[in-house]
Amino acid sequence: MKSRTCFKRNGEPRSVYSSLAEAESAADYERCVHGADLVPYLCDSCGEYHNSPKDRVTPSKACPHCIDGNGRRKELYESREAACRRAEIISKEKKRGIKLDVYPCPYKLGYHLTKR
């Protein structure tokens, strides 16, 4: 099934899986048939499972305290390395070469990203 709310970078809707087992099965199929190395994840936006290329996965969660400029919870990364990896991925994907800085959560829960 295709998502109505979650989209790939190219604008196409993401595939949606109702369980981790279903997403893992789809990832296994893609690995066997197409050689794609995918990892399932639970989407914070829609509450369903999607698959992502393994090299793009940087686990995060919504910070219970910190809010961004749009009034949403900031993403919280467990380590500085994970936050740096996400910043690098974002920088490579954005055409304008957006630069992000990593900084520690003021509540000492992990690390956040911010625009320069």
C-alpha atoms as a PDB file:
ATOM      1  CA  MET A   1       0.000   0.000   0.000  1.00  0.00           C
ATOM      2  CA  LYS A   2       1.204   3.557  -0.667  1.00  0.00           C
ATOM      3  CA  SER A   3       1.210   6.339   1.915  1.00  0.00           C
ATOM      4  CA  ARG A   4      -0.976   9.419   1.643  1.00  0.00           C
ATOM      5  CA  THR A   5       1.283  11.446   3.938  1.00  0.00           C
ATOM      6  CA  CYS A   6       4.870  10.203   3.527  1.00  0.00           C
ATOM      7  CA  PHE A   7       6.901  10.702   0.370  1.00  0.00           C
ATOM      8  CA  LYS A   8      10.296   9.769  -1.019  1.00  0.00           C
ATOM      9  CA  ARG A   9      12.824  12.443  -1.972  1.00  0.00           C
ATOM     10  CA  ASN A  10      11.609  12.183  -5.591  1.00  0.00           C
ATOM     11  CA  GLY A  11       8.013  12.972  -4.544  1.00  0.00           C
ATOM     12  CA  GLU A  12       6.620   9.450  -4.907  1.00  0.00           C
ATOM     13  CA  PRO A  13       4.569   8.098  -1.994  1.00  0.00           C
ATOM     14  CA  ARG A  14       6.379   5.688   0.318  1.00  0.00           C
ATOM     15  CA  SER A  15       5.260   2.090   0.649  1.00  0.00           C
ATOM     16  CA  VAL A  16       3.481   1.456   3.946  1.00  0.00           C
ATOM     17  CA  TYR A  17       3.658  -1.727   6.019  1.00  0.00           C
ATOM     18  CA  SER A  18       1.350  -2.401   8.957  1.00  0.00           C
ATOM     19  CA  SER A  19       3.894  -4.431  10.943  1.00  0.00           C
ATOM     20  CA  LEU A  20       7.628  -4.778  11.381  1.00  0.00           C
ATOM     21  CA  ALA A  21       7.435  -8.352  10.067  1.00  0.00           C
ATOM     22  CA  GLU A  22       5.714  -7.154   6.877  1.00  0.00           C
ATOM     23  CA  ALA A  23       8.339  -4.431   6.350  1.00  0.00           C
ATOM     24  CA  GLU A  24      11.174  -6.923   6.980  1.00  0.00           C
ATOM     25  CA  SER A  25       9.652  -9.325   4.463  1.00  0.00           C
ATOM     26  CA  ALA A  26       9.479  -6.569   1.845  1.00  0.00           C
ATOM     27  CA  ALA A  27      13.107  -5.597   2.603  1.00  0.00           C
ATOM     28  CA  ASP A  28      14.169  -9.237   2.187  1.00  0.00           C
ATOM     29  CA  TYR A  29      12.371  -9.411  -1.154  1.00  0.00           C
ATOM     30  CA  GLU A  30      14.070  -6.230  -2.400  1.00  0.00           C
ATOM     31  CA  ARG A  31      17.446  -7.567  -1.243  1.00  0.00           C
ATOM     32  CA  CYS A  32      16.964 -10.892  -3.070  1.00  0.00           C
ATOM     33  CA  VAL A  33      15.416  -9.547  -6.267  1.00  0.00           C
ATOM     34  CA  HIS A  34      17.086  -6.146  -6.677  1.00  0.00           C
ATOM     35  CA  GLY A  35      20.107  -6.288  -4.353  1.00  0.00           C
ATOM     36  CA  ALA A  36      18.772  -3.340  -2.346  1.00  0.00           C
ATOM     37  CA  ASP A  37      19.926  -3.130   1.270  1.00  0.00           C
ATOM     38  CA  LEU A  38      16.859  -1.756   3.078  1.00  0.00           C
ATOM     39  CA  VAL A  39      16.062  -1.339   6.765  1.00  0.00           C
ATOM     40  CA  PRO A  40      12.545  -1.071   8.218  1.00  0.00           C
ATOM     41  CA  TYR A  41      11.678   1.808  10.535  1.00  0.00           C
ATOM     42  CA  LEU A  42       8.600   3.037  12.367  1.00  0.00           C
ATOM     43  CA  CYS A  43       7.603   6.427  10.976  1.00  0.00           C
ATOM     44  CA  ASP A  44       7.026   9.208  13.514  1.00  0.00           C
ATOM     45  CA  SER A  45       4.693  10.976  11.077  1.00  0.00           C
ATOM     46  CA  CYS A  46       2.213   8.261  10.132  1.00  0.00           C
ATOM     47  CA  GLY A  47       2.832   5.557  12.761  1.00  0.00           C
ATOM     48  CA  GLU A  48       3.332   2.898  10.062  1.00  0.00           C
ATOM     49  CA  TYR A  49       6.472   1.106   8.876  1.00  0.00           C
ATOM     50  CA  HIS A  50       8.526   2.102   5.839  1.00  0.00           C
ATOM     51  CA  ASN A  51      11.828   0.837   4.456  1.00  0.00           C
ATOM     52  CA  SER A  52      14.869   3.031   3.921  1.00  0.00           C
ATOM     53  CA  PRO A  53      18.257   2.393   2.321  1.00  0.00           C
ATOM     54  CA  LYS A  54      20.569   1.198   5.091  1.00  0.00           C
ATOM     55  CA  ASP A  55      23.134   3.940   4.423  1.00  0.00           C
ATOM     56  CA  ARG A  56      20.506   6.642   5.145  1.00  0.00           C
ATOM     57  CA  VAL A  57      19.343   5.296   8.510  1.00  0.00           C
ATOM     58  CA  THR A  58      20.192   7.476  11.486  1.00  0.00           C
ATOM     59  CA  PRO A  59      17.837   6.558  14.325  1.00  0.00           C
ATOM     60  CA  SER A  60      16.328   9.477  16.190  1.00  0.00           C
ATOM     61  CA  LYS A  61      13.304  10.299  18.272  1.00  0.00           C
ATOM     62  CA  ALA A  62      11.386  13.422  19.130  1.00  0.00           C
ATOM     63  CA  CYS A  63      12.935  15.314  22.040  1.00  0.00           C
ATOM     64  CA  PRO A  64      10.442  15.614  24.900  1.00  0.00           C
ATOM     65  CA  HIS A  65      11.659  19.149  25.685  1.00  0.00           C
ATOM     66  CA  CYS A  66      13.132  20.990  22.685  1.00  0.00           C
ATOM     67  CA  ILE A  67      10.983  22.701  20.017  1.00  0.00           C
ATOM     68  CA  ASP A  68      12.100  23.909  16.573  1.00  0.00           C
ATOM     69  CA  GLY A  69      11.205  27.189  14.881  1.00  0.00           C
ATOM     70  CA  ASN A  70       8.022  25.644  13.455  1.00  0.00           C
ATOM     71  CA  GLY A  71       6.738  24.553  16.862  1.00  0.00           C
ATOM     72  CA  ARG A  72       7.572  20.866  16.338  1.00  0.00           C
ATOM     73  CA  ARG A  73       9.654  18.672  18.607  1.00  0.00           C
ATOM     74  CA  LYS A  74      13.318  18.621  17.588  1.00  0.00           C
ATOM     75  CA  GLU A  75      14.834  15.339  16.466  1.00  0.00           C
ATOM     76  CA  LEU A  76      17.103  13.866  19.113  1.00  0.00           C
ATOM     77  CA  TYR A  77      20.099  11.699  18.189  1.00  0.00           C
ATOM     78  CA  GLU A  78      21.692   9.402  20.779  1.00  0.00           C
ATOM     79  CA  SER A  79      25.267  10.279  19.842  1.00  0.00           C
ATOM     80  CA  ARG A  80      27.233  13.103  18.257  1.00  0.00           C
ATOM     81  CA  GLU A  81      28.318  10.646  15.544  1.00  0.00           C
ATOM     82  CA  ALA A  82      24.708   9.813  14.610  1.00  0.00           C
ATOM     83  CA  ALA A  83      23.799  13.515  14.471  1.00  0.00           C
ATOM     84  CA  CYS A  84      26.860  14.282  12.326  1.00  0.00           C
ATOM     85  CA  ARG A  85      25.932  11.450   9.961  1.00  0.00           C
ATOM     86  CA  ARG A  86      22.383  12.828   9.556  1.00  0.00           C
ATOM     87  CA  ALA A  87      23.757  16.346   8.956  1.00  0.00           C
ATOM     88  CA  GLU A  88      26.047  14.971   6.249  1.00  0.00           C
ATOM     89  CA  ILE A  89      23.189  13.076   4.559  1.00  0.00           C
ATOM     90  CA  ILE A  90      20.989  16.175   4.569  1.00  0.00           C
ATOM     91  CA  SER A  91      23.809  18.344   3.220  1.00  0.00           C
ATOM     92  CA  LYS A  92      24.431  15.951   0.317  1.00  0.00           C
ATOM     93  CA  GLU A  93      20.722  15.706  -0.562  1.00  0.00           C
ATOM     94  CA  LYS A  94      19.927  19.412  -0.570  1.00  0.00           C
ATOM     95  CA  LYS A  95      20.740  21.187  -3.812  1.00  0.00           C
ATOM     96  CA  ARG A  96      21.732  24.373  -2.012  1.00  0.00           C
ATOM     97  CA  GLY A  97      24.232  22.558   0.197  1.00  0.00           C
ATOM     98  CA  ILE A  98      22.569  23.417   3.478  1.00  0.00           C
ATOM     99  CA  LYS A  99      25.027  23.234   6.353  1.00  0.00           C
ATOM    100  CA  LEU A 100      23.920  21.950   9.727  1.00  0.00           C
ATOM    101  CA  ASP A 101      25.694  22.129  13.061  1.00  0.00           C
ATOM    102  CA  VAL A 102      25.438  19.520  15.785  1.00  0.00           C
ATOM    103  CA  TYR A 103      24.948  20.633  19.371  1.00  0.00           C
ATOM    104  CA  PRO A 104      24.175  18.889  22.660  1.00  0.00           C
ATOM    105  CA  CYS A 105      20.599  18.897  23.897  1.00  0.00           C
ATOM    106  CA  PRO A 106      20.383  21.379  26.801  1.00  0.00           C
ATOM    107  CA  TYR A 107      18.614  18.632  28.777  1.00  0.00           C
ATOM    108  CA  LYS A 108      21.564  16.260  28.195  1.00  0.00           C
ATOM    109  CA  LEU A 109      19.402  13.719  26.362  1.00  0.00           C
ATOM    110  CA  GLY A 110      21.466  13.514  23.168  1.00  0.00           C
ATOM    111  CA  TYR A 111      22.240  15.808  20.215  1.00  0.00           C
ATOM    112  CA  HIS A 112      20.279  18.110  17.890  1.00  0.00           C
ATOM    113  CA  LEU A 113      20.914  19.732  14.496  1.00  0.00           C
ATOM    114  CA  THR A 114      20.638  23.414  13.715  1.00  0.00           C
ATOM    115  CA  LYS A 115      21.084  25.537  10.584  1.00  0.00           C
ATOM    116  CA  ARG A 116      24.100  27.812  10.475  1.00  0.00           C
END
